[in-house]
């Protein structure tokens, strides 16, 4: 069954961004600090903070993404 999100075609995209979304870089790897022995074990974390999706898109260059806008049209009423 084909993937509705384009996974089988090698497509990747995001819909309906509000501008508040953040993400880590693709090459970012989590780091787990050493456990001090007291309390719960430390959790993995990234060494760099996440950045806005718009920053990631701008860094890849305009040839790597396409902005798509569409409008919802009213459907014609079915009648006699």
PDB file of N, CA and C in Angstrom:
ATOM      1  N   UNK A   1       0.850  -1.179   0.000  1.00  0.00           N
ATOM      2  CA  UNK A   1       0.000   0.000   0.000  1.00  0.00           C
ATOM      3  C   UNK A   1       0.897   1.244   0.000  1.00  0.00           C
ATOM      4  N   UNK A   2       0.646   2.191  -0.873  1.00  0.00           N
ATOM      5  CA  UNK A   2       1.470   3.406  -0.908  1.00  0.00           C
ATOM      6  C   UNK A   2       1.289   4.242   0.345  1.00  0.00           C
ATOM      7  N   UNK A   3       2.365   4.871   0.738  1.00  0.00           N
ATOM      8  CA  UNK A   3       2.350   5.744   1.904  1.00  0.00           C
ATOM      9  C   UNK A   3       1.716   7.076   1.517  1.00  0.00           C
ATOM     10  N   UNK A   4       0.687   7.489   2.220  1.00  0.00           N
ATOM     11  CA  UNK A   4      -0.022   8.739   1.900  1.00  0.00           C
ATOM     12  C   UNK A   4       0.863   9.956   2.091  1.00  0.00           C
ATOM     13  N   UNK A   5       1.924   9.830   2.866  1.00  0.00           N
ATOM     14  CA  UNK A   5       2.800  10.972   3.121  1.00  0.00           C
ATOM     15  C   UNK A   5       3.971  11.027   2.153  1.00  0.00           C
ATOM     16  N   UNK A   6       4.027  10.155   1.175  1.00  0.00           N
ATOM     17  CA  UNK A   6       5.069  10.202   0.171  1.00  0.00           C
ATOM     18  C   UNK A   6       6.335   9.462   0.552  1.00  0.00           C
ATOM     19  N   UNK A   7       6.309   8.648   1.590  1.00  0.00           N
ATOM     20  CA  UNK A   7       7.495   7.952   2.047  1.00  0.00           C
ATOM     21  C   UNK A   7       8.104   7.023   1.013  1.00  0.00           C
ATOM     22  N   UNK A   8       7.276   6.351   0.218  1.00  0.00           N
ATOM     23  CA  UNK A   8       7.789   5.435  -0.789  1.00  0.00           C
ATOM     24  C   UNK A   8       8.441   6.169  -1.949  1.00  0.00           C
ATOM     25  N   UNK A   9       8.110   7.421  -2.142  1.00  0.00           N
ATOM     26  CA  UNK A   9       8.678   8.197  -3.242  1.00  0.00           C
ATOM     27  C   UNK A   9       9.864   9.041  -2.788  1.00  0.00           C
ATOM     28  N   UNK A  10      10.251   8.920  -1.531  1.00  0.00           N
ATOM     29  CA  UNK A  10      11.382   9.684  -1.040  1.00  0.00           C
ATOM     30  C   UNK A  10      11.060  11.141  -0.770  1.00  0.00           C
ATOM     31  N   UNK A  11       9.794  11.450  -0.617  1.00  0.00           N
ATOM     32  CA  UNK A  11       9.386  12.824  -0.334  1.00  0.00           C
ATOM     33  C   UNK A  11       9.292  13.039   1.166  1.00  0.00           C
ATOM     34  N   UNK A  12       9.640  14.215   1.602  1.00  0.00           N
ATOM     35  CA  UNK A  12       9.439  14.559   3.011  1.00  0.00           C
ATOM     36  C   UNK A  12       8.946  15.993   3.065  1.00  0.00           C
ATOM     37  N   UNK A  13       7.908  16.218   3.836  1.00  0.00           N
ATOM     38  CA  UNK A  13       7.346  17.552   3.927  1.00  0.00           C
ATOM     39  C   UNK A  13       6.568  17.716   5.215  1.00  0.00           C
ATOM     40  N   UNK A  14       6.285  18.962   5.534  1.00  0.00           N
ATOM     41  CA  UNK A  14       5.533  19.294   6.729  1.00  0.00           C
ATOM     42  C   UNK A  14       4.396  20.207   6.309  1.00  0.00           C
ATOM     43  N   UNK A  15       3.226  19.994   6.878  1.00  0.00           N
ATOM     44  CA  UNK A  15       2.070  20.824   6.566  1.00  0.00           C
ATOM     45  C   UNK A  15       1.638  21.627   7.781  1.00  0.00           C
ATOM     46  N   UNK A  16       1.050  22.766   7.529  1.00  0.00           N
ATOM     47  CA  UNK A  16       0.397  23.587   8.545  1.00  0.00           C
ATOM     48  C   UNK A  16       1.340  24.040   9.662  1.00  0.00           C
ATOM     49  N   UNK A  17       2.416  24.695   9.302  1.00  0.00           N
ATOM     50  CA  UNK A  17       3.314  25.249  10.313  1.00  0.00           C
ATOM     51  C   UNK A  17       2.798  26.602  10.772  1.00  0.00           C
ATOM     52  N   UNK A  18       2.946  26.879  12.055  1.00  0.00           N
ATOM     53  CA  UNK A  18       2.487  28.158  12.586  1.00  0.00           C
ATOM     54  C   UNK A  18       3.638  29.133  12.806  1.00  0.00           C
ATOM     55  N   UNK A  19       4.874  28.655  12.692  1.00  0.00           N
ATOM     56  CA  UNK A  19       6.032  29.499  12.937  1.00  0.00           C
ATOM     57  C   UNK A  19       6.634  29.295  14.310  1.00  0.00           C
ATOM     58  N   UNK A  20       5.981  28.515  15.146  1.00  0.00           N
ATOM     59  CA  UNK A  20       6.477  28.255  16.500  1.00  0.00           C
ATOM     60  C   UNK A  20       7.221  26.920  16.596  1.00  0.00           C
ATOM     61  N   UNK A  21       7.192  26.118  15.544  1.00  0.00           N
ATOM     62  CA  UNK A  21       7.781  24.792  15.583  1.00  0.00           C
ATOM     63  C   UNK A  21       9.304  24.867  15.578  1.00  0.00           C
ATOM     64  N   UNK A  22       9.922  23.999  16.360  1.00  0.00           N
ATOM     65  CA  UNK A  22      11.375  23.934  16.432  1.00  0.00           C
ATOM     66  C   UNK A  22      11.816  22.490  16.227  1.00  0.00           C
ATOM     67  N   UNK A  23      13.067  22.330  15.828  1.00  0.00           N
ATOM     68  CA  UNK A  23      13.624  20.991  15.621  1.00  0.00           C
ATOM     69  C   UNK A  23      15.133  21.062  15.759  1.00  0.00           C
ATOM     70  N   UNK A  24      15.727  19.923  16.048  1.00  0.00           N
ATOM     71  CA  UNK A  24      17.177  19.819  16.082  1.00  0.00           C
ATOM     72  C   UNK A  24      17.665  19.545  14.675  1.00  0.00           C
ATOM     73  N   UNK A  25      18.915  19.866  14.416  1.00  0.00           N
ATOM     74  CA  UNK A  25      19.519  19.595  13.115  1.00  0.00           C
ATOM     75  C   UNK A  25      19.542  18.089  12.873  1.00  0.00           C
ATOM     76  N   UNK A  26      19.585  17.702  11.618  1.00  0.00           N
ATOM     77  CA  UNK A  26      19.564  16.287  11.266  1.00  0.00           C
ATOM     78  C   UNK A  26      20.759  15.543  11.862  1.00  0.00           C
ATOM     79  N   UNK A  27      21.895  16.204  11.961  1.00  0.00           N
ATOM     80  CA  UNK A  27      23.108  15.559  12.466  1.00  0.00           C
ATOM     81  C   UNK A  27      23.231  15.621  13.990  1.00  0.00           C
ATOM     82  N   UNK A  28      22.312  16.271  14.662  1.00  0.00           N
ATOM     83  CA  UNK A  28      22.385  16.385  16.122  1.00  0.00           C
ATOM     84  C   UNK A  28      22.187  15.020  16.769  1.00  0.00           C
ATOM     85  N   UNK A  29      23.021  14.718  17.746  1.00  0.00           N
ATOM     86  CA  UNK A  29      22.914  13.447  18.466  1.00  0.00           C
ATOM     87  C   UNK A  29      22.750  13.724  19.958  1.00  0.00           C
ATOM     88  N   UNK A  30      21.872  12.980  20.617  1.00  0.00           N
ATOM     89  CA  UNK A  30      21.696  13.198  22.052  1.00  0.00           C
ATOM     90  C   UNK A  30      22.943  12.789  22.832  1.00  0.00           C
ATOM     91  N   UNK A  31      23.164  13.475  23.928  1.00  0.00           N
ATOM     92  CA  UNK A  31      24.301  13.211  24.813  1.00  0.00           C
ATOM     93  C   UNK A  31      23.742  12.847  26.180  1.00  0.00           C
ATOM     94  N   UNK A  32      24.287  11.822  26.785  1.00  0.00           N
ATOM     95  CA  UNK A  32      23.825  11.427  28.113  1.00  0.00           C
ATOM     96  C   UNK A  32      24.932  11.735  29.127  1.00  0.00           C
ATOM     97  N   UNK A  33      24.703  12.739  29.985  1.00  0.00           N
ATOM     98  CA  UNK A  33      25.712  13.074  30.998  1.00  0.00           C
ATOM     99  C   UNK A  33      25.944  11.899  31.941  1.00  0.00           C
ATOM    100  N   UNK A  34      27.110  11.876  32.561  1.00  0.00           N
ATOM    101  CA  UNK A  34      27.430  10.811  33.512  1.00  0.00           C
ATOM    102  C   UNK A  34      26.492  10.868  34.715  1.00  0.00           C
ATOM    103  N   UNK A  35      26.149   9.713  35.221  1.00  0.00           N
ATOM    104  CA  UNK A  35      25.261   9.608  36.378  1.00  0.00           C
ATOM    105  C   UNK A  35      26.062   9.858  37.646  1.00  0.00           C
ATOM    106  N   UNK A  36      25.565  10.776  38.484  1.00  0.00           N
ATOM    107  CA  UNK A  36      26.269  11.133  39.711  1.00  0.00           C
ATOM    108  C   UNK A  36      26.039  10.178  40.861  1.00  0.00           C
ATOM    109  N   UNK A  37      25.046   9.297  40.746  1.00  0.00           N
ATOM    110  CA  UNK A  37      24.818   8.311  41.797  1.00  0.00           C
ATOM    111  C   UNK A  37      23.688   8.655  42.741  1.00  0.00           C
ATOM    112  N   UNK A  38      23.235   9.893  42.781  1.00  0.00           N
ATOM    113  CA  UNK A  38      22.138  10.268  43.663  1.00  0.00           C
ATOM    114  C   UNK A  38      20.920  10.632  42.823  1.00  0.00           C
ATOM    115  N   UNK A  39      19.773  10.186  43.256  1.00  0.00           N
ATOM    116  CA  UNK A  39      18.546  10.511  42.543  1.00  0.00           C
ATOM    117  C   UNK A  39      18.379   9.688  41.281  1.00  0.00           C
ATOM    118  N   UNK A  40      17.403  10.054  40.477  1.00  0.00           N
ATOM    119  CA  UNK A  40      17.158   9.293  39.244  1.00  0.00           C
ATOM    120  C   UNK A  40      18.298   9.502  38.238  1.00  0.00           C
ATOM    121  N   UNK A  41      18.514   8.524  37.358  1.00  0.00           N
ATOM    122  CA  UNK A  41      19.560   8.669  36.350  1.00  0.00           C
ATOM    123  C   UNK A  41      19.301   9.884  35.454  1.00  0.00           C
ATOM    124  N   UNK A  42      20.371  10.468  34.980  1.00  0.00           N
ATOM    125  CA  UNK A  42      20.232  11.628  34.099  1.00  0.00           C
ATOM    126  C   UNK A  42      19.654  11.199  32.759  1.00  0.00           C
ATOM    127  N   UNK A  43      18.893  12.082  32.157  1.00  0.00           N
ATOM    128  CA  UNK A  43      18.277  11.805  30.869  1.00  0.00           C
ATOM    129  C   UNK A  43      19.165  12.317  29.746  1.00  0.00           C
ATOM    130  N   UNK A  44      19.018  11.704  28.591  1.00  0.00           N
ATOM    131  CA  UNK A  44      19.751  12.171  27.422  1.00  0.00           C
ATOM    132  C   UNK A  44      19.255  13.550  27.037  1.00  0.00           C
ATOM    133  N   UNK A  45      20.160  14.360  26.511  1.00  0.00           N
ATOM    134  CA  UNK A  45      19.792  15.696  26.053  1.00  0.00           C
ATOM    135  C   UNK A  45      20.699  16.085  24.910  1.00  0.00           C
ATOM    136  N   UNK A  46      20.274  17.081  24.165  1.00  0.00           N
ATOM    137  CA  UNK A  46      21.085  17.589  23.065  1.00  0.00           C
ATOM    138  C   UNK A  46      21.992  18.694  23.586  1.00  0.00           C
ATOM    139  N   UNK A  47      23.179  18.798  23.026  1.00  0.00           N
ATOM    140  CA  UNK A  47      24.119  19.827  23.450  1.00  0.00           C
ATOM    141  C   UNK A  47      23.749  21.200  22.902  1.00  0.00           C
ATOM    142  N   UNK A  48      22.976  21.244  21.840  1.00  0.00           N
ATOM    143  CA  UNK A  48      22.551  22.513  21.245  1.00  0.00           C
ATOM    144  C   UNK A  48      21.041  22.641  21.343  1.00  0.00           C
ATOM    145  N   UNK A  49      20.526  23.856  21.504  1.00  0.00           N
ATOM    146  CA  UNK A  49      19.079  24.031  21.579  1.00  0.00           C
ATOM    147  C   UNK A  49      18.438  23.839  20.206  1.00  0.00           C
ATOM    148  N   UNK A  50      17.164  23.465  20.160  1.00  0.00           N
ATOM    149  CA  UNK A  50      16.486  23.346  18.872  1.00  0.00           C
ATOM    150  C   UNK A  50      16.302  24.725  18.242  1.00  0.00           C
ATOM    151  N   UNK A  51      16.201  24.753  16.924  1.00  0.00           N
ATOM    152  CA  UNK A  51      16.015  26.022  16.209  1.00  0.00           C
ATOM    153  C   UNK A  51      14.709  25.978  15.434  1.00  0.00           C
ATOM    154  N   UNK A  52      14.236  27.136  15.064  1.00  0.00           N
ATOM    155  CA  UNK A  52      12.978  27.245  14.322  1.00  0.00           C
ATOM    156  C   UNK A  52      13.096  26.519  12.985  1.00  0.00           C
ATOM    157  N   UNK A  53      11.992  25.899  12.560  1.00  0.00           N
ATOM    158  CA  UNK A  53      11.956  25.200  11.278  1.00  0.00           C
ATOM    159  C   UNK A  53      12.308  26.159  10.141  1.00  0.00           C
ATOM    160  N   UNK A  54      11.893  27.404  10.252  1.00  0.00           N
ATOM    161  CA  UNK A  54      12.185  28.379   9.197  1.00  0.00           C
ATOM    162  C   UNK A  54      13.692  28.603   9.045  1.00  0.00           C
ATOM    163  N   UNK A  55      14.433  28.527  10.139  1.00  0.00           N
ATOM    164  CA  UNK A  55      15.890  28.673  10.081  1.00  0.00           C
ATOM    165  C   UNK A  55      16.505  27.479   9.347  1.00  0.00           C
ATOM    166  N   UNK A  56      16.030  26.280   9.651  1.00  0.00           N
ATOM    167  CA  UNK A  56      16.525  25.089   8.957  1.00  0.00           C
ATOM    168  C   UNK A  56      16.225  25.188   7.461  1.00  0.00           C
ATOM    169  N   UNK A  57      15.028  25.631   7.115  1.00  0.00           N
ATOM    170  CA  UNK A  57      14.648  25.745   5.701  1.00  0.00           C
ATOM    171  C   UNK A  57      15.514  26.774   4.993  1.00  0.00           C
ATOM    172  N   UNK A  58      15.789  27.897   5.642  1.00  0.00           N
ATOM    173  CA  UNK A  58      16.612  28.938   5.029  1.00  0.00           C
ATOM    174  C   UNK A  58      18.045  28.462   4.815  1.00  0.00           C
ATOM    175  N   UNK A  59      18.557  27.635   5.716  1.00  0.00           N
ATOM    176  CA  UNK A  59      19.922  27.124   5.586  1.00  0.00           C
ATOM    177  C   UNK A  59      20.076  26.116   4.458  1.00  0.00           C
ATOM    178  N   UNK A  60      19.018  25.390   4.142  1.00  0.00           N
ATOM    179  CA  UNK A  60      19.121  24.390   3.083  1.00  0.00           C
ATOM    180  C   UNK A  60      19.126  25.026   1.705  1.00  0.00           C
ATOM    181  N   UNK A  61      18.624  26.226   1.600  1.00  0.00           N
ATOM    182  CA  UNK A  61      18.587  26.912   0.320  1.00  0.00           C
ATOM    183  C   UNK A  61      17.236  26.740  -0.349  1.00  0.00           C
ATOM    184  N   UNK A  62      16.848  27.712  -1.149  1.00  0.00           N
ATOM    185  CA  UNK A  62      15.521  27.681  -1.760  1.00  0.00           C
ATOM    186  C   UNK A  62      15.310  26.531  -2.734  1.00  0.00           C
ATOM    187  N   UNK A  63      16.375  25.981  -3.296  1.00  0.00           N
ATOM    188  CA  UNK A  63      16.211  24.883  -4.252  1.00  0.00           C
ATOM    189  C   UNK A  63      15.818  23.579  -3.566  1.00  0.00           C
ATOM    190  N   UNK A  64      15.914  23.503  -2.249  1.00  0.00           N
ATOM    191  CA  UNK A  64      15.609  22.281  -1.510  1.00  0.00           C
ATOM    192  C   UNK A  64      14.162  22.194  -1.029  1.00  0.00           C
ATOM    193  N   UNK A  65      13.410  23.277  -1.125  1.00  0.00           N
ATOM    194  CA  UNK A  65      12.029  23.207  -0.654  1.00  0.00           C
ATOM    195  C   UNK A  65      11.127  24.074  -1.524  1.00  0.00           C
ATOM    196  N   UNK A  66       9.862  23.773  -1.453  1.00  0.00           N
ATOM    197  CA  UNK A  66       8.864  24.510  -2.204  1.00  0.00           C
ATOM    198  C   UNK A  66       7.735  24.890  -1.263  1.00  0.00           C
ATOM    199  N   UNK A  67       7.381  26.162  -1.251  1.00  0.00           N
ATOM    200  CA  UNK A  67       6.256  26.608  -0.444  1.00  0.00           C
ATOM    201  C   UNK A  67       4.987  26.454  -1.274  1.00  0.00           C
ATOM    202  N   UNK A  68       4.005  25.813  -0.692  1.00  0.00           N
ATOM    203  CA  UNK A  68       2.753  25.555  -1.396  1.00  0.00           C
ATOM    204  C   UNK A  68       1.618  26.192  -0.616  1.00  0.00           C
ATOM    205  N   UNK A  69       0.759  26.903  -1.315  1.00  0.00           N
ATOM    206  CA  UNK A  69      -0.418  27.519  -0.704  1.00  0.00           C
ATOM    207  C   UNK A  69      -1.632  27.124  -1.530  1.00  0.00           C
ATOM    208  N   UNK A  70      -2.707  26.819  -0.873  1.00  0.00           N
ATOM    209  CA  UNK A  70      -3.940  26.526  -1.585  1.00  0.00           C
ATOM    210  C   UNK A  70      -5.089  27.126  -0.823  1.00  0.00           C
ATOM    211  N   UNK A  71      -6.181  27.252  -1.490  1.00  0.00           N
ATOM    212  CA  UNK A  71      -7.368  27.791  -0.823  1.00  0.00           C
ATOM    213  C   UNK A  71      -8.489  26.786  -0.929  1.00  0.00           C
ATOM    214  N   UNK A  72      -9.310  26.772   0.066  1.00  0.00           N
ATOM    215  CA  UNK A  72     -10.468  25.887   0.072  1.00  0.00           C
ATOM    216  C   UNK A  72     -11.588  26.556  -0.721  1.00  0.00           C
ATOM    217  N   UNK A  73     -12.117  25.830  -1.675  1.00  0.00           N
ATOM    218  CA  UNK A  73     -13.222  26.364  -2.463  1.00  0.00           C
ATOM    219  C   UNK A  73     -14.531  25.784  -1.946  1.00  0.00           C
ATOM    220  N   UNK A  74     -15.535  26.588  -2.012  1.00  0.00           N
ATOM    221  CA  UNK A  74     -16.846  26.086  -1.598  1.00  0.00           C
ATOM    222  C   UNK A  74     -17.352  25.098  -2.629  1.00  0.00           C
ATOM    223  N   UNK A  75     -17.898  24.046  -2.142  1.00  0.00           N
ATOM    224  CA  UNK A  75     -18.462  23.062  -3.058  1.00  0.00           C
ATOM    225  C   UNK A  75     -19.850  23.525  -3.490  1.00  0.00           C
ATOM    226  N   UNK A  76     -20.119  23.342  -4.744  1.00  0.00           N
ATOM    227  CA  UNK A  76     -21.421  23.723  -5.274  1.00  0.00           C
ATOM    228  C   UNK A  76     -22.500  22.824  -4.657  1.00  0.00           C
ATOM    229  N   UNK A  77     -23.621  23.426  -4.345  1.00  0.00           N
ATOM    230  CA  UNK A  77     -24.704  22.639  -3.775  1.00  0.00           C
ATOM    231  C   UNK A  77     -25.309  21.722  -4.829  1.00  0.00           C
ATOM    232  N   UNK A  78     -25.573  20.525  -4.419  1.00  0.00           N
ATOM    233  CA  UNK A  78     -26.236  19.597  -5.325  1.00  0.00           C
ATOM    234  C   UNK A  78     -27.725  19.904  -5.290  1.00  0.00           C
ATOM    235  N   UNK A  79     -28.292  20.049  -6.417  1.00  0.00           N
ATOM    236  CA  UNK A  79     -29.721  20.349  -6.460  1.00  0.00           C
ATOM    237  C   UNK A  79     -30.359  19.892  -7.760  1.00  0.00           C
ATOM    238  N   UNK A  80     -31.627  20.119  -7.844  1.00  0.00           N
ATOM    239  CA  UNK A  80     -32.364  19.727  -9.060  1.00  0.00           C
ATOM    240  C   UNK A  80     -32.242  20.782 -10.106  1.00  0.00           C
TER     241      UNK A  80
END
